[in-house]
């Protein structure tokens, strides 16, 4: 049984913004973590850490069109669900669900987690979503999926043997048993699952058995992690994975959200990755305190390193933090056409279209500012905060005209318009706390869209309620992404800057 460790604290979230469904593995002193990416390309962001707290994105697992095809017919919050990342026999293995028509579960491998990763190996005999891989002592590999059921698999070919059989599905009548992970720890096999749905009722439960096939005995203290029915500032806690540190201590990574504003509370960054210490009592894991403190040293205000918040597009390609909607054809999104600029060639006619040409980064801070210098002389485009096709705010330039557009559900409105002298201009989006007084209907934040003049002064064209770009309003599984887009002709962007603001 693992050694006891003293309770410890971790500043959270350890990976801010839309980074849900974390799966983690350790190789020596190095930790690697993968997350879901849904309708965005490239897919499955991959992070590295030496201390479980400071994480840096080193790549994306599915970063080639032949690895990941997300058609325009696929709705937002479809796509890539719930990877499991493991290291076995000298290789990294990742199994994940492509939740689109004709998709299913696939396996990719790599010797270097920064890539390249292999082309996907289909696993048609693996049903459902949230697949997990675990190897027993004789090398047999077991794939466990949401439900919770299990089937034997050859991960090198994707071939399964036999039919999936049920294992243990959490508490009686529990909603949505999912996110299973199977571990050999001491004399037992432990089956960790999420249950209660990924909303406010989310939680983590565990059971153990003598073999990877069970039977499984539930922990008497289940759920071992949940914030349902509490006033904790971190809610929707679930979809967890366990890892042991080199010193013998144990830790849990899991998703959670930070709802703000009045009732019912709105979360806008999506589901983020959190960390908590784990101790063991009577052979069962006990999850420690989930702290929420980004300001305590040595952790910075923003999860994103300074060098990753500004991009002057001088490199030949976009870095791993940049994501696009469903695909990113090189001929439509390039830094090679005009040196030092990002050039976007329009395809979809507006942000409402599933094939819009868009390049953005996840919003990682509750208050922040994004700016870009745009040349709209050859087309129409701008800067947007996107949740999905039906929920986004944008400031858009075309020639000498600038306008603010709000899309909320079935309503699309031009909120403000302004004519300006011809030439490049700086577009800004600033996200701040709402002004007092606060009441039960106060939104989580205010999204201000405007322009910045050459002398550095800013002109706000519109200030919009942020609740309408939240999961509680829009639904789905993603968070806000801030980025540049083109909806007609060609639009060039000289630089992009993102900075956190003091809340």
Protein backbone atom coordinates (compact mmCIF):
# COMPACT_ATOMS: atom_id res chain seq x y z
CA UNK A 1 0.00 0.00 0.00
CA UNK A 2 1.31 3.51 -0.76
CA UNK A 3 3.06 5.34 2.04
CA UNK A 4 1.10 7.89 4.01
CA UNK A 5 1.83 11.50 3.10
CA UNK A 6 1.09 14.70 4.95
CA UNK A 7 -1.76 16.81 3.56
CA UNK A 8 -0.49 19.40 1.10
CA UNK A 9 -1.98 22.35 -0.71
CA UNK A 10 -1.98 23.21 -4.39
CA UNK A 11 -2.91 26.51 -6.00
CA UNK A 12 -5.72 25.93 -8.46
CA UNK A 13 -6.62 25.61 -11.22
CA UNK A 14 -3.28 24.22 -12.36
CA UNK A 15 -4.30 24.47 -16.03
CA UNK A 16 -6.67 27.39 -16.50
CA UNK A 17 -9.39 27.79 -19.06
CA UNK A 18 -11.10 25.25 -21.28
CA UNK A 19 -8.99 22.15 -20.46
CA UNK A 20 -11.42 19.43 -19.33
CA UNK A 21 -11.23 15.67 -18.75
CA UNK A 22 -7.57 15.56 -17.65
CA UNK A 23 -5.68 12.28 -17.92
CA UNK A 24 -2.20 12.03 -16.46
CA UNK A 25 0.80 9.72 -16.39
CA UNK A 26 4.31 9.93 -14.92
CA UNK A 27 7.55 8.74 -16.48
CA UNK A 28 10.46 9.14 -14.07
CA UNK A 29 10.37 12.73 -12.81
CA UNK A 30 8.19 13.96 -15.66
CA UNK A 31 4.41 14.27 -15.70
CA UNK A 32 2.33 14.41 -18.86
CA UNK A 33 -1.32 15.40 -19.10
CA UNK A 34 -3.87 15.37 -21.93
CA UNK A 35 -7.31 17.03 -22.19
CA UNK A 36 -10.41 16.96 -24.38
CA UNK A 37 -10.62 19.43 -27.27
CA UNK A 38 -14.11 18.84 -28.79
CA UNK A 39 -14.68 20.70 -32.09
CA UNK A 40 -11.30 22.43 -32.15
CA UNK A 41 -8.26 21.61 -34.27
CA UNK A 42 -5.58 20.60 -33.47
CA UNK A 43 -6.95 18.12 -30.95
CA UNK A 44 -5.92 16.87 -27.49
CA UNK A 45 -3.55 19.44 -25.96
CA UNK A 46 -0.57 17.76 -24.29
CA UNK A 47 1.17 19.29 -21.24
CA UNK A 48 4.39 18.62 -19.33
CA UNK A 49 5.29 19.35 -15.70
CA UNK A 50 7.93 18.45 -13.14
CA UNK A 51 5.92 19.45 -10.06
CA UNK A 52 2.21 18.91 -10.95
CA UNK A 53 1.56 22.64 -10.54
CA UNK A 54 3.49 24.39 -13.30
CA UNK A 55 2.38 23.01 -16.66
CA UNK A 56 3.52 23.92 -20.16
CA UNK A 57 1.82 22.85 -23.36
CA UNK A 58 4.34 20.98 -25.52
CA UNK A 59 2.06 20.04 -28.37
CA UNK A 60 -1.21 18.56 -29.53
CA UNK A 61 -1.66 14.84 -30.05
CA UNK A 62 -3.91 15.11 -33.11
CA UNK A 63 -2.21 17.85 -35.10
CA UNK A 64 -2.44 16.58 -38.68
CA UNK A 65 -5.52 16.54 -40.91
CA UNK A 66 -5.07 12.81 -41.55
CA UNK A 67 -5.29 12.22 -37.79
CA UNK A 68 -8.37 14.34 -37.16
CA UNK A 69 -11.26 15.16 -39.46
CA UNK A 70 -14.12 17.16 -37.98
CA UNK A 71 -16.75 17.89 -40.64
CA UNK A 72 -18.81 21.06 -40.77
CA UNK A 73 -21.90 18.93 -40.11
CA UNK A 74 -20.60 18.05 -36.64
CA UNK A 75 -22.17 20.31 -33.98
CA UNK A 76 -20.17 22.30 -31.47
CA UNK A 77 -19.28 20.25 -28.37
CA UNK A 78 -18.95 17.20 -30.62
CA UNK A 79 -15.55 15.94 -31.68
CA UNK A 80 -12.79 14.77 -29.37
CA UNK A 81 -13.92 13.47 -25.97
CA UNK A 82 -12.06 12.29 -22.89
CA UNK A 83 -8.60 10.91 -23.74
CA UNK A 84 -6.73 8.47 -21.52
CA UNK A 85 -2.94 8.90 -21.56
CA UNK A 86 -0.70 6.07 -20.40
CA UNK A 87 2.95 4.97 -20.66
CA UNK A 88 3.61 1.26 -21.15
CA UNK A 89 6.46 -0.79 -22.49
CA UNK A 90 8.49 2.26 -23.51
CA UNK A 91 5.70 3.99 -25.44
CA UNK A 92 3.01 6.56 -24.78
CA UNK A 93 -0.50 5.37 -25.56
CA UNK A 94 -3.55 7.55 -25.92
CA UNK A 95 -7.08 6.31 -26.54
CA UNK A 96 -9.83 8.80 -27.26
CA UNK A 97 -13.34 9.13 -28.69
CA UNK A 98 -14.08 11.05 -31.87
CA UNK A 99 -17.77 11.76 -31.25
CA UNK A 100 -18.86 12.36 -34.82
CA UNK A 101 -20.64 10.28 -37.41
CA UNK A 102 -18.27 7.51 -38.48
CA UNK A 103 -15.83 8.41 -35.70
CA UNK A 104 -15.63 6.11 -32.69
CA UNK A 105 -12.68 5.25 -30.49
CA UNK A 106 -9.12 5.40 -31.76
CA UNK A 107 -5.63 4.76 -30.37
CA UNK A 108 -2.44 6.70 -31.12
CA UNK A 109 1.10 6.13 -29.88
CA UNK A 110 4.39 8.01 -29.60
CA UNK A 111 7.86 7.57 -28.18
CA UNK A 112 8.09 11.32 -27.52
CA UNK A 113 4.93 12.88 -26.02
CA UNK A 114 5.73 16.15 -27.84
CA UNK A 115 5.14 14.20 -31.05
CA UNK A 116 4.85 13.15 -33.69
CA UNK A 117 2.03 10.79 -32.75
CA UNK A 118 1.01 7.93 -34.99
CA UNK A 119 -1.95 7.87 -37.32
CA UNK A 120 -5.06 6.72 -35.44
CA UNK A 121 -5.73 3.00 -35.02
CA UNK A 122 -9.51 2.41 -35.07
CA UNK A 123 -10.97 0.34 -32.23
CA UNK A 124 -14.45 -0.49 -33.59
CA UNK A 125 -15.13 -3.09 -30.92
CA UNK A 126 -14.88 -0.49 -28.15
CA UNK A 127 -18.35 0.94 -27.50
CA UNK A 128 -19.35 4.36 -26.23
CA UNK A 129 -17.09 7.12 -24.91
CA UNK A 130 -14.39 7.77 -22.29
CA UNK A 131 -12.15 4.76 -23.03
CA UNK A 132 -9.37 3.73 -20.65
CA UNK A 133 -6.38 1.40 -21.11
CA UNK A 134 -4.81 -0.71 -18.35
CA UNK A 135 -2.33 -3.58 -18.58
CA UNK A 136 -2.24 -6.47 -16.09
CA UNK A 137 0.84 -8.43 -15.01
CA UNK A 138 0.85 -10.81 -17.99
CA UNK A 139 0.56 -7.97 -20.51
CA UNK A 140 -3.16 -8.30 -21.19
CA UNK A 141 -4.67 -4.92 -21.98
CA UNK A 142 -8.16 -4.01 -20.76
CA UNK A 143 -10.28 -1.22 -22.19
CA UNK A 144 -12.94 0.17 -19.85
CA UNK A 145 -15.55 2.65 -21.06
CA UNK A 146 -18.37 4.84 -19.77
CA UNK A 147 -21.26 2.79 -18.66
CA UNK A 148 -19.13 1.12 -17.08
CA UNK A 149 -18.13 -1.91 -19.18
CA UNK A 150 -14.88 -3.58 -20.17
CA UNK A 151 -13.38 -5.54 -23.05
CA UNK A 152 -9.97 -7.07 -23.71
CA UNK A 153 -8.06 -5.29 -26.48
CA UNK A 154 -4.84 -5.42 -28.47
CA UNK A 155 -3.95 -1.71 -28.46
CA UNK A 156 -1.43 -2.14 -31.28
CA UNK A 157 -4.17 -3.21 -33.71
CA UNK A 158 -7.42 -2.03 -32.08
CA UNK A 159 -8.78 -5.59 -32.17
CA UNK A 160 -11.03 -6.58 -29.26
CA UNK A 161 -11.74 -10.04 -27.89
CA UNK A 162 -15.16 -11.08 -26.68
CA UNK A 163 -18.04 -8.79 -25.93
CA UNK A 164 -17.94 -5.92 -23.42
CA UNK A 165 -19.12 -6.95 -19.94
CA UNK A 166 -20.49 -4.75 -17.19
CA UNK A 167 -18.32 -4.02 -14.15
CA UNK A 168 -19.52 -1.49 -11.57
CA UNK A 169 -21.50 1.64 -12.34
CA UNK A 170 -21.31 3.64 -9.15
CA UNK A 171 -24.04 4.32 -6.64
CA UNK A 172 -27.58 3.03 -7.14
CA UNK A 173 -29.34 5.11 -9.77
CA UNK A 174 -26.39 7.49 -10.16
CA UNK A 175 -26.53 9.61 -13.30
CA UNK A 176 -23.95 9.17 -16.08
CA UNK A 177 -21.34 6.71 -14.77
CA UNK A 178 -18.37 7.65 -16.95
CA UNK A 179 -14.66 8.51 -17.12
CA UNK A 180 -13.45 5.12 -15.83
CA UNK A 181 -9.78 4.58 -15.00
CA UNK A 182 -8.38 1.26 -13.80
CA UNK A 183 -5.21 0.95 -11.69
CA UNK A 184 -3.20 -1.75 -9.96
CA UNK A 185 -2.27 -0.32 -6.54
CA UNK A 186 -0.88 -2.66 -3.90
CA UNK A 187 -2.90 -5.87 -3.74
CA UNK A 188 -6.00 -4.46 -5.43
CA UNK A 189 -7.27 -3.17 -8.72
CA UNK A 190 -9.05 0.16 -8.28
CA UNK A 191 -11.81 1.37 -10.59
CA UNK A 192 -12.21 5.15 -10.47
CA UNK A 193 -15.28 6.66 -12.15
CA UNK A 194 -17.21 9.92 -12.41
CA UNK A 195 -20.95 10.02 -11.77
CA UNK A 196 -23.75 12.51 -11.32
CA UNK A 197 -23.35 14.24 -14.70
CA UNK A 198 -20.78 16.88 -15.55
CA UNK A 199 -22.89 19.70 -14.09
CA UNK A 200 -23.32 20.70 -10.41
CA UNK A 201 -23.98 17.09 -9.34
CA UNK A 202 -20.64 15.81 -10.60
CA UNK A 203 -18.52 13.62 -8.36
CA UNK A 204 -15.86 10.91 -8.21
CA UNK A 205 -16.36 7.42 -6.78
CA UNK A 206 -14.13 4.37 -6.52
CA UNK A 207 -14.32 0.61 -6.05
CA UNK A 208 -11.72 -2.16 -5.73
CA UNK A 209 -11.31 -5.80 -6.60
CA UNK A 210 -8.69 -8.53 -6.72
CA UNK A 211 -8.61 -8.70 -10.52
CA UNK A 212 -9.02 -6.12 -13.30
CA UNK A 213 -12.33 -7.82 -14.15
CA UNK A 214 -13.71 -7.52 -10.64
CA UNK A 215 -15.94 -8.12 -8.84
CA UNK A 216 -15.61 -4.63 -7.41
CA UNK A 217 -16.39 -3.51 -3.88
CA UNK A 218 -17.43 0.18 -3.61
CA UNK A 219 -15.67 2.50 -1.19
CA UNK A 220 -17.89 3.10 1.86
CA UNK A 221 -17.03 6.83 1.71
CA UNK A 222 -18.19 7.36 -1.90
CA UNK A 223 -18.20 9.85 -3.48
CA UNK A 224 -14.59 10.50 -2.58
CA UNK A 225 -14.77 13.90 -4.28
CA UNK A 226 -17.78 16.12 -4.90
CA UNK A 227 -18.79 19.72 -4.25
CA UNK A 228 -22.47 19.19 -4.98
CA UNK A 229 -24.73 21.11 -2.62
CA UNK A 230 -21.87 23.22 -1.24
CA UNK A 231 -20.83 26.84 -1.50
CA UNK A 232 -17.30 25.96 -2.60
CA UNK A 233 -16.03 28.32 -5.33
CA UNK A 234 -15.02 25.30 -7.41
CA UNK A 235 -18.02 23.31 -8.66
CA UNK A 236 -18.78 20.42 -11.06
CA UNK A 237 -15.76 18.52 -9.72
CA UNK A 238 -15.25 15.16 -11.40
CA UNK A 239 -13.68 13.20 -14.27
CA UNK A 240 -10.53 12.44 -12.30
CA UNK A 241 -7.26 10.56 -12.72
CA UNK A 242 -4.70 9.43 -10.12
CA UNK A 243 -0.92 9.65 -10.20
CA UNK A 244 1.86 8.76 -7.74
CA UNK A 245 4.81 11.11 -7.32
CA UNK A 246 8.42 9.89 -7.04
CA UNK A 247 8.33 10.56 -3.28
CA UNK A 248 5.43 8.11 -2.85
CA UNK A 249 2.74 10.76 -2.43
CA UNK A 250 -0.49 10.49 -4.43
CA UNK A 251 -2.39 13.16 -6.30
CA UNK A 252 -5.63 13.54 -8.20
CA UNK A 253 -6.23 15.71 -11.25
CA UNK A 254 -9.84 16.44 -12.12
CA UNK A 255 -12.05 18.95 -13.86
CA UNK A 256 -14.01 21.71 -12.20
CA UNK A 257 -15.54 25.10 -12.95
CA UNK A 258 -15.49 28.52 -11.32
CA UNK A 259 -19.06 29.87 -11.49
CA UNK A 260 -19.55 33.57 -10.75
CA UNK A 261 -22.26 36.19 -10.69
CA UNK A 262 -25.79 35.83 -9.36
CA UNK A 263 -27.98 32.77 -9.38
CA UNK A 264 -27.57 30.12 -10.72
CA UNK A 265 -23.95 31.16 -11.27
CA UNK A 266 -22.34 31.18 -14.70
CA UNK A 267 -19.01 29.67 -15.68
CA UNK A 268 -17.43 31.04 -18.83
CA UNK A 269 -13.94 29.54 -19.01
CA UNK A 270 -15.19 26.01 -19.46
CA UNK A 271 -14.12 23.10 -17.33
CA UNK A 272 -10.58 23.55 -16.04
CA UNK A 273 -7.95 21.19 -14.62
CA UNK A 274 -7.54 21.13 -10.83
CA UNK A 275 -5.23 19.24 -8.47
CA UNK A 276 -5.73 17.81 -4.98
CA UNK A 277 -3.57 15.69 -2.66
CA UNK A 278 -4.60 12.12 -1.88
CA UNK A 279 -3.87 10.09 1.25
CA UNK A 280 -4.82 6.47 1.96
CA UNK A 281 -6.87 5.16 4.86
CA UNK A 282 -7.81 1.48 5.25
CA UNK A 283 -6.87 0.87 1.64
CA UNK A 284 -9.04 3.67 0.23
CA UNK A 285 -7.99 7.05 -1.25
CA UNK A 286 -9.00 10.17 0.66
CA UNK A 287 -8.99 13.38 -1.38
CA UNK A 288 -7.63 16.44 0.38
CA UNK A 289 -8.64 20.08 0.26
CA UNK A 290 -9.28 21.71 -3.11
CA UNK A 291 -7.73 25.14 -2.74
CA UNK A 292 -8.41 28.05 -5.05
CA UNK A 293 -5.57 30.55 -4.91
CA UNK A 294 -3.78 31.79 -8.01
CA UNK A 295 -2.15 34.73 -6.25
CA UNK A 296 -0.15 32.79 -3.67
CA UNK A 297 3.57 32.46 -4.50
CA UNK A 298 5.14 30.84 -6.40
CA UNK A 299 2.21 30.61 -8.81
CA UNK A 300 1.61 33.46 -11.25
CA UNK A 301 -1.66 35.28 -11.81
CA UNK A 302 -2.09 33.70 -15.23
CA UNK A 303 -1.49 30.08 -16.12
CA UNK A 304 -0.07 31.12 -19.49
CA UNK A 305 3.66 31.96 -19.51
CA UNK A 306 4.41 35.52 -20.58
CA UNK A 307 6.08 34.43 -23.81
CA UNK A 308 2.93 32.58 -24.84
CA UNK A 309 0.58 35.55 -24.39
CA UNK A 310 2.01 37.63 -27.24
CA UNK A 311 2.53 36.46 -30.81
CA UNK A 312 4.04 38.59 -33.57
CA UNK A 313 3.60 35.80 -36.14
CA UNK A 314 7.27 35.82 -37.07
CA UNK A 315 7.49 32.02 -36.95
CA UNK A 316 6.64 29.84 -39.89
CA UNK A 317 3.65 28.28 -38.16
CA UNK A 318 1.32 28.86 -35.23
CA UNK A 319 2.34 27.53 -31.83
CA UNK A 320 0.49 24.70 -30.03
CA UNK A 321 -1.78 26.99 -28.01
CA UNK A 322 -3.56 28.23 -31.16
CA UNK A 323 -6.77 26.41 -32.08
CA UNK A 324 -9.23 26.68 -34.96
CA UNK A 325 -12.81 25.58 -35.49
CA UNK A 326 -12.93 22.03 -36.92
CA UNK A 327 -9.94 22.39 -39.23
CA UNK A 328 -7.12 24.73 -40.24
CA UNK A 329 -6.28 24.46 -43.95
CA UNK A 330 -2.81 25.86 -44.56
CA UNK A 331 -4.01 27.76 -47.60
CA UNK A 332 -6.61 29.62 -45.49
CA UNK A 333 -4.59 30.30 -42.34
CA UNK A 334 -0.92 31.13 -42.86
CA UNK A 335 1.98 33.18 -41.51
CA UNK A 336 3.96 32.75 -44.74
CA UNK A 337 1.92 34.89 -47.13
CA UNK A 338 2.88 38.26 -45.61
CA UNK A 339 5.99 37.89 -43.43
CA UNK A 340 5.31 38.79 -39.81
CA UNK A 341 1.54 38.71 -40.28
CA UNK A 342 -1.17 36.08 -39.87
CA UNK A 343 -3.29 35.99 -43.05
CA UNK A 344 -6.79 34.54 -42.91
CA UNK A 345 -8.72 33.79 -46.11
CA UNK A 346 -12.47 33.72 -45.58
CA UNK A 347 -14.57 30.63 -46.18
CA UNK A 348 -17.68 30.88 -44.01
CA UNK A 349 -19.64 34.13 -44.24
CA UNK A 350 -19.84 34.80 -40.50
CA UNK A 351 -18.97 33.42 -37.09
CA UNK A 352 -22.40 31.76 -37.22
CA UNK A 353 -21.09 29.36 -39.86
CA UNK A 354 -19.43 26.07 -38.84
CA UNK A 355 -16.63 26.50 -41.40
CA UNK A 356 -15.56 30.01 -40.38
CA UNK A 357 -11.80 30.63 -40.65
CA UNK A 358 -10.76 31.34 -37.07
CA UNK A 359 -7.56 31.17 -35.00
CA UNK A 360 -7.80 31.71 -31.26
CA UNK A 361 -6.62 30.87 -27.79
CA UNK A 362 -8.56 29.73 -24.79
CA UNK A 363 -9.57 32.45 -22.33
CA UNK A 364 -7.64 31.48 -19.21
CA UNK A 365 -8.32 34.34 -16.80
CA UNK A 366 -11.54 35.63 -15.28
CA UNK A 367 -10.51 39.17 -16.19
CA UNK A 368 -8.27 39.83 -19.18
CA UNK A 369 -7.62 41.92 -22.27
CA UNK A 370 -6.96 40.77 -25.84
CA UNK A 371 -5.71 43.07 -28.62
CA UNK A 372 -4.75 42.64 -32.25
CA UNK A 373 -3.56 44.91 -35.05
CA UNK A 374 -5.68 44.18 -38.12
CA UNK A 375 -5.40 45.26 -41.76
CA UNK A 376 -8.94 44.95 -43.20
CA UNK A 377 -8.18 46.56 -46.55
CA UNK A 378 -8.65 43.29 -48.48
CA UNK A 379 -11.58 41.78 -46.63
CA UNK A 380 -13.76 41.61 -43.53
CA UNK A 381 -12.87 40.13 -40.17
CA UNK A 382 -11.88 40.92 -36.63
CA UNK A 383 -11.54 39.80 -33.04
CA UNK A 384 -14.10 37.61 -31.27
CA UNK A 385 -14.99 35.86 -28.04
CA UNK A 386 -16.45 32.54 -29.14
CA UNK A 387 -18.38 29.89 -27.23
CA UNK A 388 -20.04 28.32 -30.28
CA UNK A 389 -21.78 29.28 -33.52
CA UNK A 390 -24.81 30.61 -31.65
CA UNK A 391 -23.02 32.41 -28.83
CA UNK A 392 -20.25 34.90 -29.56
CA UNK A 393 -19.36 38.60 -29.45
CA UNK A 394 -17.11 40.19 -32.07
CA UNK A 395 -15.64 43.48 -33.20
CA UNK A 396 -15.30 43.41 -36.96
CA UNK A 397 -13.55 45.67 -39.47
CA UNK A 398 -14.10 46.07 -43.22
CA UNK A 399 -12.37 48.90 -45.06
CA UNK A 400 -13.09 51.99 -42.96
CA UNK A 401 -16.09 50.55 -41.12
CA UNK A 402 -16.00 48.91 -37.70
CA UNK A 403 -18.96 47.24 -35.99
CA UNK A 404 -19.73 45.16 -32.92
CA UNK A 405 -21.84 42.04 -33.45
CA UNK A 406 -23.58 40.00 -30.75
CA UNK A 407 -24.98 36.53 -31.41
CA UNK A 408 -27.04 35.01 -28.59
CA UNK A 409 -29.10 31.98 -29.54
CA UNK A 410 -31.36 32.82 -32.47
CA UNK A 411 -30.70 36.58 -32.14
CA UNK A 412 -27.94 38.29 -34.12
CA UNK A 413 -27.54 42.03 -33.61
CA UNK A 414 -25.21 44.77 -34.80
CA UNK A 415 -24.73 46.57 -31.49
CA UNK A 416 -22.56 49.48 -32.62
CA UNK A 417 -20.95 50.89 -35.78
CA UNK A 418 -18.20 53.42 -36.42
CA UNK A 419 -16.33 54.79 -39.45
CA UNK A 420 -12.59 55.34 -39.15
CA UNK A 421 -9.73 56.51 -41.36
CA UNK A 422 -8.38 53.85 -43.69
CA UNK A 423 -5.45 51.72 -42.57
CA UNK A 424 -4.57 49.11 -39.95
CA UNK A 425 -6.18 49.50 -36.53
CA UNK A 426 -6.05 47.86 -33.12
CA UNK A 427 -9.16 45.97 -32.01
CA UNK A 428 -9.61 45.25 -28.31
CA UNK A 429 -11.71 42.98 -26.12
CA UNK A 430 -11.57 43.60 -22.37
CA UNK A 431 -13.28 41.28 -19.88
CA UNK A 432 -13.84 42.69 -16.40
CA UNK A 433 -15.94 42.19 -13.31
CA UNK A 434 -19.42 43.75 -13.41
CA UNK A 435 -19.86 47.09 -11.72
CA UNK A 436 -21.65 47.11 -8.32
CA UNK A 437 -24.25 46.83 -6.98
CA UNK A 438 -24.50 43.08 -7.41
CA UNK A 439 -27.75 41.16 -7.23
CA UNK A 440 -29.17 37.73 -8.04
CA UNK A 441 -29.26 38.58 -11.76
CA UNK A 442 -25.73 39.99 -11.95
CA UNK A 443 -23.74 38.36 -14.72
CA UNK A 444 -20.28 36.89 -14.18
CA UNK A 445 -18.45 39.57 -16.16
CA UNK A 446 -18.67 42.34 -18.75
CA UNK A 447 -17.22 41.97 -22.25
CA UNK A 448 -16.17 45.36 -23.65
CA UNK A 449 -15.28 45.66 -27.34
CA UNK A 450 -13.51 48.67 -28.80
CA UNK A 451 -10.65 50.19 -30.73
CA UNK A 452 -7.27 51.53 -29.65
CA UNK A 453 -5.98 54.69 -31.29
CA UNK A 454 -2.32 55.34 -32.21
CA UNK A 455 -1.85 57.47 -29.10
CA UNK A 456 -2.86 54.51 -26.90
CA UNK A 457 -6.29 55.78 -25.94
CA UNK A 458 -9.16 53.31 -26.18
CA UNK A 459 -12.68 53.88 -27.41
CA UNK A 460 -15.27 51.44 -26.17
CA UNK A 461 -17.98 50.70 -28.72
CA UNK A 462 -20.05 48.27 -26.62
CA UNK A 463 -20.13 46.64 -23.19
CA UNK A 464 -22.05 43.34 -23.17
CA UNK A 465 -23.23 41.00 -20.41
CA UNK A 466 -20.93 38.01 -20.23
CA UNK A 467 -23.53 35.53 -18.97
CA UNK A 468 -24.74 34.94 -22.53
CA UNK A 469 -21.36 33.46 -23.38
CA UNK A 470 -21.53 30.88 -20.58
CA UNK A 471 -22.20 27.16 -20.46
CA UNK A 472 -25.25 27.71 -18.27
CA UNK A 473 -26.84 29.73 -21.10
CA UNK A 474 -25.40 28.08 -24.22
CA UNK A 475 -25.06 24.49 -22.99
CA UNK A 476 -22.32 22.21 -24.26
CA UNK A 477 -18.92 21.22 -22.92
CA UNK A 478 -16.51 23.93 -24.01
CA UNK A 479 -15.33 27.33 -22.76
CA UNK A 480 -14.57 30.69 -24.29
CA UNK A 481 -11.94 31.06 -26.98
CA UNK A 482 -10.67 34.52 -28.00
CA UNK A 483 -9.31 34.90 -31.49
CA UNK A 484 -9.15 36.38 -34.96
CA UNK A 485 -11.35 35.52 -37.91
CA UNK A 486 -12.13 36.38 -41.52
CA UNK A 487 -15.59 36.34 -43.13
CA UNK A 488 -14.87 37.93 -46.53
CA UNK A 489 -11.75 38.24 -48.66
CA UNK A 490 -8.40 38.19 -46.88
CA UNK A 491 -7.68 39.79 -43.52
CA UNK A 492 -4.15 40.24 -42.15
CA UNK A 493 -3.18 40.45 -38.46
CA UNK A 494 0.21 41.83 -37.40
CA UNK A 495 0.20 40.65 -33.80
CA UNK A 496 -2.01 39.31 -31.01
CA UNK A 497 -1.63 40.13 -27.33
CA UNK A 498 -3.40 38.57 -24.36
CA UNK A 499 -2.88 39.78 -20.81
CA UNK A 500 -4.54 38.91 -17.50
CA UNK A 501 -5.98 41.76 -15.45
CA UNK A 502 -6.19 42.15 -11.72
CA UNK A 503 -9.67 41.01 -10.66
